[in-house]
Protein backbone atom coordinates (compact mmCIF):
# COMPACT_ATOMS: atom_id res chain seq x y z
CA MET A 1 187.96 -126.48 -1.49
CA LYS A 2 187.48 -125.77 2.20
CA LEU A 3 184.67 -127.22 4.27
CA TYR A 4 183.44 -126.49 7.79
CA SER A 5 181.28 -128.39 10.27
CA THR A 6 177.73 -127.17 10.77
CA LYS A 7 178.58 -127.19 14.48
CA ASN A 8 181.87 -125.27 14.15
CA LYS A 9 182.39 -122.75 11.37
CA SER A 10 185.80 -121.66 12.61
CA ARG A 11 187.71 -124.85 11.64
CA TYR A 12 188.14 -125.84 8.00
CA VAL A 13 189.17 -129.12 6.40
CA SER A 14 190.14 -130.11 2.86
CA LEU A 15 187.86 -131.98 0.47
CA LYS A 16 189.95 -135.14 0.98
CA GLU A 17 189.56 -135.01 4.77
CA ALA A 18 185.81 -134.34 4.57
CA VAL A 19 185.23 -137.17 2.10
CA MET A 20 187.42 -139.76 3.79
CA LYS A 21 186.24 -138.99 7.33
CA GLY A 22 182.60 -138.52 6.39
CA LEU A 23 181.64 -136.94 9.70
CA PRO A 24 183.39 -134.29 11.84
CA GLU A 25 184.35 -135.16 15.42
CA ASP A 26 181.72 -132.73 16.73
CA ASN A 27 178.93 -134.78 15.05
CA GLY A 28 178.05 -131.94 12.70
CA LEU A 29 178.01 -132.20 8.90
CA TYR A 30 180.53 -130.84 6.44
CA MET A 31 179.50 -127.89 4.25
CA PRO A 32 181.47 -125.94 1.61
CA GLU A 33 182.93 -122.66 2.86
CA THR A 34 181.61 -120.96 -0.26
CA ILE A 35 179.07 -122.00 -2.87
CA PRO A 36 180.28 -120.63 -6.20
CA GLN A 37 177.99 -119.04 -8.78
CA LEU A 38 178.29 -120.72 -12.17
CA PRO A 39 178.90 -118.23 -15.01
CA GLU A 40 176.19 -117.24 -17.48
CA SER A 41 178.20 -118.99 -20.20
CA PHE A 42 177.58 -122.32 -18.41
CA PHE A 43 173.80 -121.90 -18.61
CA THR A 44 174.01 -120.73 -22.23
CA ALA A 45 175.86 -123.92 -23.16
CA LEU A 46 173.93 -126.20 -20.80
CA ARG A 47 171.29 -127.41 -23.27
CA GLN A 48 174.01 -128.85 -25.52
CA MET A 49 175.96 -130.47 -22.67
CA LYS A 50 175.89 -134.16 -21.77
CA LEU A 51 175.39 -135.23 -18.18
CA PRO A 52 179.10 -136.08 -17.53
CA ASP A 53 180.04 -132.62 -18.86
CA ILE A 54 177.54 -131.02 -16.46
CA GLY A 55 178.92 -133.06 -13.58
CA TYR A 56 182.46 -132.05 -14.47
CA GLU A 57 181.71 -128.31 -14.64
CA VAL A 58 179.66 -128.27 -11.42
CA SER A 59 182.17 -130.29 -9.39
CA LYS A 60 185.10 -128.34 -10.85
CA ALA A 61 183.52 -125.08 -9.65
CA LEU A 62 182.96 -126.53 -6.17
CA PHE A 63 186.31 -128.32 -5.78
CA GLN A 64 188.32 -125.22 -6.78
CA GLY A 65 191.35 -127.07 -8.12
CA GLU A 66 191.70 -129.63 -5.32
CA ILE A 67 191.63 -132.42 -7.93
CA PRO A 68 193.46 -132.03 -11.27
CA ASP A 69 191.05 -131.41 -14.15
CA SER A 70 192.01 -134.60 -16.01
CA GLU A 71 191.49 -136.75 -12.89
CA LEU A 72 188.17 -135.07 -12.13
CA ARG A 73 186.89 -135.62 -15.65
CA ASN A 74 187.89 -139.28 -15.37
CA ILE A 75 186.01 -139.61 -12.04
CA VAL A 76 182.84 -138.06 -13.45
CA THR A 77 182.96 -139.98 -16.72
CA LYS A 78 183.33 -143.34 -14.96
CA ALA A 79 180.53 -142.54 -12.49
CA LEU A 80 177.87 -141.13 -14.82
CA THR A 81 177.33 -143.85 -17.40
CA PHE A 82 173.51 -143.73 -17.51
CA PRO A 83 170.88 -141.09 -18.38
CA ALA A 84 168.36 -139.04 -16.38
CA PRO A 85 165.52 -138.51 -18.88
CA LEU A 86 162.63 -136.11 -18.33
CA VAL A 87 159.18 -137.54 -19.15
CA LYS A 88 156.29 -135.17 -19.89
CA LEU A 89 152.91 -136.09 -18.35
CA ASN A 90 151.19 -132.83 -19.34
CA GLU A 91 152.05 -129.19 -20.01
CA SER A 92 152.81 -128.51 -16.34
CA THR A 93 154.00 -131.87 -14.97
CA TYR A 94 157.20 -133.73 -15.73
CA ILE A 95 158.84 -136.82 -14.22
CA LEU A 96 162.63 -136.92 -13.85
CA GLU A 97 163.56 -140.60 -14.06
CA LEU A 98 166.53 -141.23 -11.79
CA PHE A 99 166.40 -145.04 -11.83
CA HIS A 100 168.46 -145.91 -14.91
CA GLY A 101 171.66 -146.77 -12.99
CA PRO A 102 172.91 -150.20 -11.85
CA SER A 103 170.74 -150.44 -8.70
CA LEU A 104 167.69 -148.76 -10.30
CA ALA A 105 167.63 -145.89 -7.80
CA PHE A 106 168.67 -142.22 -7.75
CA LYS A 107 171.38 -143.02 -5.25
CA ASP A 108 173.49 -144.55 -8.02
CA PHE A 109 174.52 -141.01 -8.98
CA GLY A 110 175.97 -140.27 -5.55
CA ALA A 111 177.31 -143.74 -4.76
CA ARG A 112 179.22 -144.18 -8.02
CA PHE A 113 180.71 -140.68 -7.91
CA MET A 114 181.72 -141.23 -4.29
CA ALA A 115 183.30 -144.61 -5.08
CA GLN A 116 185.45 -143.04 -7.81
CA LEU A 117 186.37 -140.05 -5.64
CA MET A 118 187.30 -142.20 -2.65
CA SER A 119 189.29 -144.56 -4.84
CA TYR A 120 191.26 -141.54 -6.11
CA PHE A 121 191.95 -140.24 -2.59
CA ASN A 122 192.73 -143.76 -1.33
CA ARG A 123 195.22 -144.68 -4.04
CA ASN A 124 198.39 -144.14 -1.96
CA GLU A 125 197.10 -145.54 1.36
CA ASP A 126 198.43 -148.81 2.82
CA LYS A 127 195.59 -149.36 5.33
CA GLU A 128 192.20 -150.47 4.04
CA LEU A 129 189.26 -148.07 4.27
CA THR A 130 185.99 -149.30 5.81
CA ILE A 131 182.82 -147.68 4.49
CA LEU A 132 179.95 -147.79 7.00
CA VAL A 133 176.49 -147.11 5.61
CA ALA A 134 172.96 -147.25 7.02
CA THR A 135 170.15 -147.81 4.54
CA SER A 136 166.37 -147.63 4.59
CA GLY A 137 166.30 -149.35 1.21
CA ASP A 138 167.99 -147.82 -1.82
CA THR A 139 171.23 -146.37 -0.45
CA GLY A 140 172.62 -149.80 0.41
CA GLY A 141 172.04 -151.24 -3.04
CA ALA A 142 173.61 -148.24 -4.75
CA VAL A 143 176.63 -148.24 -2.43
CA ALA A 144 177.07 -151.99 -2.79
CA ALA A 145 177.04 -151.72 -6.59
CA GLY A 146 179.20 -148.60 -6.63
CA PHE A 147 181.96 -149.94 -4.36
CA HIS A 148 181.89 -153.66 -5.23
CA ASN A 149 185.43 -154.90 -5.91
CA THR A 150 186.95 -151.45 -5.37
CA PRO A 151 190.55 -152.14 -4.26
CA GLY A 152 191.48 -151.10 -0.72
CA ILE A 153 187.88 -150.46 0.36
CA ASN A 154 185.55 -152.64 2.45
CA VAL A 155 181.83 -151.87 2.76
CA VAL A 156 179.59 -152.67 5.75
CA ILE A 157 175.87 -152.00 5.20
CA LEU A 158 173.38 -151.81 8.09
CA TYR A 159 169.71 -152.25 7.18
CA PRO A 160 166.53 -152.71 9.25
CA SER A 161 165.28 -156.30 9.25
CA GLY A 162 161.92 -156.77 7.53
CA LYS A 163 161.69 -153.12 6.50
CA VAL A 164 163.15 -153.21 2.98
CA SER A 165 161.61 -154.90 -0.05
CA GLU A 166 162.73 -158.40 -1.08
CA LEU A 167 164.63 -157.15 -4.13
CA GLN A 168 166.19 -154.27 -2.21
CA GLU A 169 167.46 -156.78 0.34
CA LYS A 170 168.93 -158.98 -2.38
CA GLN A 171 170.83 -155.96 -3.73
CA LEU A 172 172.42 -155.47 -0.31
CA THR A 173 173.16 -159.06 0.61
CA THR A 174 174.20 -161.01 -2.48
CA LEU A 175 177.30 -159.32 -3.94
CA GLY A 176 179.77 -160.68 -1.38
CA GLY A 177 183.47 -159.94 -1.70
CA ASN A 178 184.25 -156.61 -0.08
CA VAL A 179 180.53 -155.91 0.64
CA LYS A 180 179.11 -157.16 3.98
CA ALA A 181 175.51 -156.76 5.20
CA LEU A 182 174.30 -156.44 8.79
CA GLU A 183 170.59 -157.11 9.30
CA VAL A 184 169.67 -154.95 12.29
CA LEU A 185 166.67 -156.00 14.37
CA GLY A 186 165.35 -152.45 14.59
CA THR A 187 164.53 -149.37 12.50
CA PHE A 188 166.51 -147.30 10.02
CA ASP A 189 166.94 -144.67 12.72
CA ASP A 190 168.65 -147.35 14.84
CA CYS A 191 170.98 -148.15 11.93
CA GLN A 192 171.79 -144.50 11.36
CA ALA A 193 172.44 -143.88 15.05
CA LEU A 194 174.85 -146.86 15.20
CA VAL A 195 176.81 -145.57 12.20
CA LYS A 196 177.10 -142.07 13.69
CA GLN A 197 178.22 -143.55 17.02
CA ALA A 198 180.91 -145.57 15.27
CA PHE A 199 182.45 -142.43 13.79
CA LEU A 200 182.66 -140.85 17.24
CA ASP A 201 184.19 -143.90 18.96
CA LYS A 202 187.91 -143.38 19.64
CA GLU A 203 188.87 -147.06 19.86
CA LEU A 204 187.25 -147.89 16.52
CA ASN A 205 188.90 -144.94 14.83
CA GLN A 206 192.30 -145.89 16.24
CA ASN A 207 191.98 -149.40 14.80
CA LEU A 208 190.12 -148.74 11.56
CA ARG A 209 190.00 -146.12 8.83
CA LEU A 210 186.27 -145.36 8.78
CA SER A 211 184.19 -143.35 6.35
CA SER A 212 180.51 -143.02 5.46
CA ALA A 213 178.60 -143.47 2.22
CA ASN A 214 175.34 -142.06 3.56
CA SER A 215 174.24 -138.62 2.43
CA ILE A 216 175.93 -137.31 5.58
CA ASN A 217 179.07 -137.55 3.40
CA ILE A 218 179.49 -134.47 1.22
CA ALA A 219 180.72 -136.71 -1.64
CA ARG A 220 177.25 -138.26 -1.87
CA LEU A 221 175.53 -134.91 -1.83
CA ILE A 222 177.44 -133.01 -4.51
CA PRO A 223 176.73 -135.37 -7.46
CA GLN A 224 173.02 -135.35 -6.61
CA SER A 225 173.01 -131.70 -7.65
CA PHE A 226 174.03 -132.67 -11.20
CA TYR A 227 170.64 -134.01 -12.24
CA TYR A 228 168.81 -130.82 -11.29
CA PHE A 229 170.82 -129.09 -14.04
CA GLU A 230 170.17 -132.08 -16.32
CA ALA A 231 166.41 -131.75 -15.73
CA TRP A 232 166.39 -128.00 -16.36
CA LYS A 233 168.14 -128.33 -19.72
CA GLN A 234 165.37 -130.67 -20.93
CA LEU A 235 162.55 -128.23 -20.08
CA PRO A 236 161.16 -125.62 -22.50
CA GLU A 237 163.39 -122.57 -22.64
CA GLY A 238 162.71 -119.95 -20.00
CA THR A 239 161.12 -122.37 -17.51
CA ARG A 240 161.70 -121.85 -13.78
CA PRO A 241 160.49 -125.20 -12.40
CA VAL A 242 159.18 -126.28 -9.05
CA PHE A 243 161.17 -129.38 -8.06
CA VAL A 244 159.13 -131.94 -6.11
CA VAL A 245 161.43 -134.17 -4.08
CA PRO A 246 160.39 -137.39 -2.29
CA SER A 247 162.34 -136.97 0.94
CA GLY A 248 163.69 -139.21 3.69
CA ASN A 249 167.09 -138.07 4.92
CA PHE A 250 166.74 -134.88 2.83
CA GLY A 251 170.06 -135.20 1.01
CA ASN A 252 168.29 -135.05 -2.35
CA LEU A 253 166.51 -131.83 -1.50
CA THR A 254 169.67 -130.29 -0.04
CA ALA A 255 171.45 -131.04 -3.33
CA GLY A 256 168.69 -129.21 -5.19
CA VAL A 257 169.06 -126.16 -2.95
CA LEU A 258 172.81 -126.32 -3.59
CA ALA A 259 172.15 -126.28 -7.36
CA LYS A 260 169.91 -123.23 -6.93
CA ARG A 261 172.61 -121.47 -4.91
CA MET A 262 174.99 -122.11 -7.81
CA GLY A 263 172.63 -120.23 -10.11
CA LEU A 264 170.11 -122.78 -11.41
CA PRO A 265 166.79 -121.00 -12.13
CA VAL A 266 164.35 -122.66 -9.69
CA GLU A 267 160.99 -121.26 -8.65
CA HIS A 268 160.47 -123.37 -5.54
CA PHE A 269 161.01 -126.77 -3.89
CA VAL A 270 158.39 -129.14 -2.54
CA ALA A 271 159.46 -131.70 0.05
CA ALA A 272 157.23 -134.77 -0.20
CA THR A 273 157.22 -137.19 2.75
CA ASN A 274 155.19 -140.12 3.97
CA VAL A 275 153.76 -140.12 7.52
CA ASN A 276 157.30 -139.58 8.83
CA ASP A 277 156.49 -135.90 8.56
CA VAL A 278 158.84 -134.05 10.91
CA VAL A 279 159.82 -131.58 8.16
CA PRO A 280 156.26 -130.83 6.95
CA GLU A 281 155.46 -130.26 10.62
CA TYR A 282 158.41 -127.88 10.90
CA VAL A 283 157.22 -125.95 7.83
CA LYS A 284 153.78 -125.55 9.40
CA THR A 285 154.80 -124.77 12.98
CA GLY A 286 158.45 -123.71 13.02
CA LYS A 287 159.17 -126.53 15.47
CA TYR A 288 161.42 -129.47 14.62
CA THR A 289 160.54 -132.54 16.69
CA PRO A 290 162.37 -135.75 15.69
CA ARG A 291 160.63 -138.98 16.61
CA PRO A 292 160.93 -142.72 15.94
CA SER A 293 160.21 -143.62 12.32
CA VAL A 294 157.06 -145.43 11.23
CA GLN A 295 157.11 -148.19 8.60
CA THR A 296 155.37 -147.39 5.29
CA ILE A 297 155.19 -148.67 1.71
CA SER A 298 157.63 -145.88 0.69
CA ASN A 299 160.29 -147.35 2.96
CA ALA A 300 163.30 -145.37 1.74
CA MET A 301 161.63 -142.33 3.31
CA ASP A 302 160.97 -143.95 6.69
CA VAL A 303 163.20 -141.52 8.58
CA GLY A 304 162.19 -139.89 11.85
CA ASN A 305 165.26 -137.68 12.27
CA PRO A 306 166.57 -136.67 8.83
CA SER A 307 170.31 -136.01 9.07
CA ASN A 308 170.48 -133.46 6.23
CA PHE A 309 167.93 -131.21 7.89
CA GLU A 310 170.92 -129.72 9.70
CA ARG A 311 172.53 -128.81 6.36
CA LEU A 312 169.31 -127.16 5.19
CA GLN A 313 169.14 -125.22 8.43
CA ASP A 314 172.71 -124.11 7.91
CA ILE A 315 171.99 -122.92 4.36
CA PHE A 316 168.98 -120.93 5.58
CA SER A 317 170.91 -119.51 8.58
CA PHE A 318 168.69 -121.49 10.97
CA THR A 319 165.83 -119.14 10.11
CA TRP A 320 162.33 -120.56 9.60
CA ASN A 321 161.14 -117.72 7.36
CA ARG A 322 163.96 -118.26 4.89
CA PHE A 323 163.32 -122.00 4.89
CA VAL A 324 159.60 -121.72 4.06
CA ASP A 325 160.24 -119.04 1.42
CA GLU A 326 161.98 -121.68 -0.68
CA ILE A 327 160.51 -124.99 0.52
CA SER A 328 156.93 -126.19 0.94
CA ALA A 329 156.24 -129.62 2.41
CA TYR A 330 153.41 -132.16 2.30
CA SER A 331 152.96 -135.68 3.66
CA LEU A 332 150.87 -138.62 2.42
CA ASN A 333 149.81 -141.78 4.21
CA ASP A 334 149.91 -145.20 2.53
CA ASP A 335 146.29 -145.12 1.32
CA GLU A 336 146.85 -141.69 -0.23
CA THR A 337 150.07 -142.94 -1.81
CA ARG A 338 148.25 -145.85 -3.44
CA ALA A 339 145.44 -143.56 -4.63
CA GLN A 340 147.95 -141.22 -6.32
CA MET A 341 149.71 -144.18 -7.94
CA ARG A 342 146.36 -145.27 -9.41
CA GLU A 343 145.46 -141.76 -10.52
CA CYS A 344 148.73 -141.25 -12.37
CA TYR A 345 148.43 -144.62 -14.08
CA GLU A 346 144.81 -144.08 -15.10
CA SER A 347 145.44 -140.51 -16.32
CA TYR A 348 148.79 -140.93 -18.08
CA ASN A 349 149.48 -144.67 -18.27
CA TYR A 350 152.62 -143.96 -16.23
CA ILE A 351 153.69 -146.31 -13.42
CA LEU A 352 155.15 -144.60 -10.36
CA ASP A 353 156.91 -146.36 -7.51
CA PRO A 354 155.58 -145.56 -4.00
CA HIS A 355 158.15 -142.77 -3.48
CA GLY A 356 157.38 -141.06 -6.78
CA SER A 357 153.69 -141.45 -5.97
CA VAL A 358 154.21 -139.46 -2.75
CA GLY A 359 155.87 -136.79 -4.88
CA TYR A 360 152.99 -136.81 -7.37
CA GLY A 361 150.44 -136.34 -4.57
CA ALA A 362 152.48 -133.54 -3.00
CA TRP A 363 152.70 -131.76 -6.38
CA LYS A 364 148.91 -131.85 -6.77
CA ARG A 365 148.45 -130.37 -3.30
CA TYR A 366 150.97 -127.65 -4.02
CA THR A 367 149.24 -126.60 -7.25
CA ARG A 368 145.84 -126.53 -5.55
CA GLU A 369 147.23 -124.10 -2.99
CA ASN A 370 149.53 -122.03 -5.21
CA GLY A 371 148.15 -122.11 -8.73
CA SER A 372 149.78 -123.38 -11.88
CA SER A 373 153.53 -123.78 -12.25
CA VAL A 374 155.76 -126.23 -14.09
CA GLY A 375 156.64 -129.10 -11.78
CA VAL A 376 159.41 -131.68 -12.03
CA ILE A 377 158.75 -134.70 -9.82
CA LEU A 378 161.83 -136.77 -8.99
CA GLU A 379 161.07 -140.45 -9.56
CA THR A 380 163.71 -141.97 -7.33
CA ALA A 381 163.38 -145.72 -7.91
CA HIS A 382 162.16 -148.16 -10.54
CA PRO A 383 158.66 -149.46 -9.69
CA SER A 384 159.84 -153.07 -10.01
CA LYS A 385 161.83 -152.64 -6.78
CA PHE A 386 158.44 -152.53 -5.04
CA ILE A 387 156.75 -154.94 -7.40
CA ASP A 388 154.31 -156.57 -4.96
CA GLU A 389 152.93 -153.24 -3.78
CA VAL A 390 152.77 -151.66 -7.22
CA GLU A 391 151.16 -154.65 -8.94
CA SER A 392 148.55 -155.12 -6.22
CA THR A 393 147.72 -151.40 -6.32
CA LEU A 394 147.50 -151.04 -10.11
CA LYS A 395 146.27 -154.54 -10.98
CA THR A 396 148.83 -154.74 -13.75
CA GLU A 397 152.17 -156.42 -14.34
CA VAL A 398 155.40 -154.50 -13.85
CA GLU A 399 158.36 -155.45 -16.01
CA ILE A 400 161.49 -156.25 -14.00
CA PRO A 401 164.80 -155.25 -15.64
CA ASP A 402 167.14 -158.21 -16.04
CA ARG A 403 169.76 -156.83 -13.64
CA LEU A 404 167.17 -156.88 -10.88
CA ALA A 405 165.32 -160.08 -11.86
CA ASN A 406 168.58 -162.05 -11.77
CA LEU A 407 169.00 -161.23 -8.06
CA ARG A 408 165.97 -163.33 -7.10
CA GLU A 409 167.95 -166.52 -7.60
CA ARG A 410 170.90 -165.37 -5.50
CA THR A 411 171.41 -166.39 -1.87
CA LYS A 412 171.13 -163.76 0.84
CA LYS A 413 174.17 -163.47 3.13
CA ALA A 414 173.72 -161.22 6.16
CA VAL A 415 174.66 -161.17 9.85
CA GLN A 416 171.70 -160.51 12.16
CA MET A 417 172.34 -158.06 14.98
CA THR A 418 170.38 -156.36 17.75
CA PRO A 419 170.74 -152.56 17.61
CA THR A 420 173.37 -152.11 20.32
CA PHE A 421 176.62 -150.31 19.64
CA LYS A 422 178.66 -152.99 21.43
CA ASN A 423 177.48 -155.56 18.88
CA LEU A 424 178.47 -153.35 15.96
CA LYS A 425 181.82 -152.47 17.52
CA ASP A 426 182.65 -156.12 18.27
CA TYR A 427 181.74 -157.05 14.70
CA LEU A 428 183.89 -154.34 13.15
CA LEU A 429 186.90 -155.05 15.34
CA GLY A 430 186.51 -158.82 14.96
CA SER A 431 186.21 -158.76 11.18
CA HIS A 432 189.54 -157.00 10.67
């Protein structure tokens, strides 16, 4: 498998280099040189395939022999140990539940696959690998769970102070061991900027082996495509769905577009955002204007400059018309998000988390404007991760799975830090 940088298509790297580096020196993002079409036989067999089998076939097609088949099957089997069930609300609306993994968020798919892949590539290295990751909520918990106690790998998670839920914070800060948490006195955008700066700093890279577990890393993105195939196989035969994707950094949506490029029958995509609406604004105007993020109740989507927008632009040849042909976009404010949460609960007795609620509201807007289709809304996190907000909105109790409830008793361990690169650099150099 060869990959290029979105900023330089003339230089290619191997899968191992792209995964272990995370980010090219030119600050672009790695993309596959070619996106293979899966054969018709794959789609014929798909409805009888289990999720790990889907993951194996999709990644095998993309990796093009870079990892031996037996090793790749082992990686996928170890990573994908939980389901992604499709729940029917009505004849035209389905919910894809992506919260059945260890951290109760969709990012478990990417984080666990990446941990296995990096462990495979890292097996003959003497020097430890340091994973740097910025999180607006769910990424950190998934990465912490996925990499905890992985030999030869340390994890440093940066998260914005006071801008993640209590249980999200406990997922980041209580595992200990090879997982360290930095509580940044700023926004997610600050955290993301610090991580990107670290990858471009020569002194850090001379002293440390650095890699990323954010969706800027191609190893996070590829496994997120698996559950689009998993959703499709559960739909009535012949369905071309509209996928509705709650979006922050836009890795999830990019993975869906990747699945479509590989042959998955998809009618359209809907990007659902909160008031951090730079992509809905781009869809309307053709102008992309990043700006500081605003805090909302759907905090994992509080991103003012989504990094994977560059990958989407690359896929669509930086052409607005091509982009809007395949992607519509809508934004909801917090009051609208709460109203949609109530409406879904009252209509279907189904509890959405704030992110899924944004998706539900975006789906309703899309159908009003475009008529009836079959929609699959990605429910990206378990509602108990936002229990205070959900319970106060719905006036009902939300059951907390044991693996999350047990975190409440654990002690938070985090280093507070102002969002300056010198502080991060000193910490990284001083902790090794």
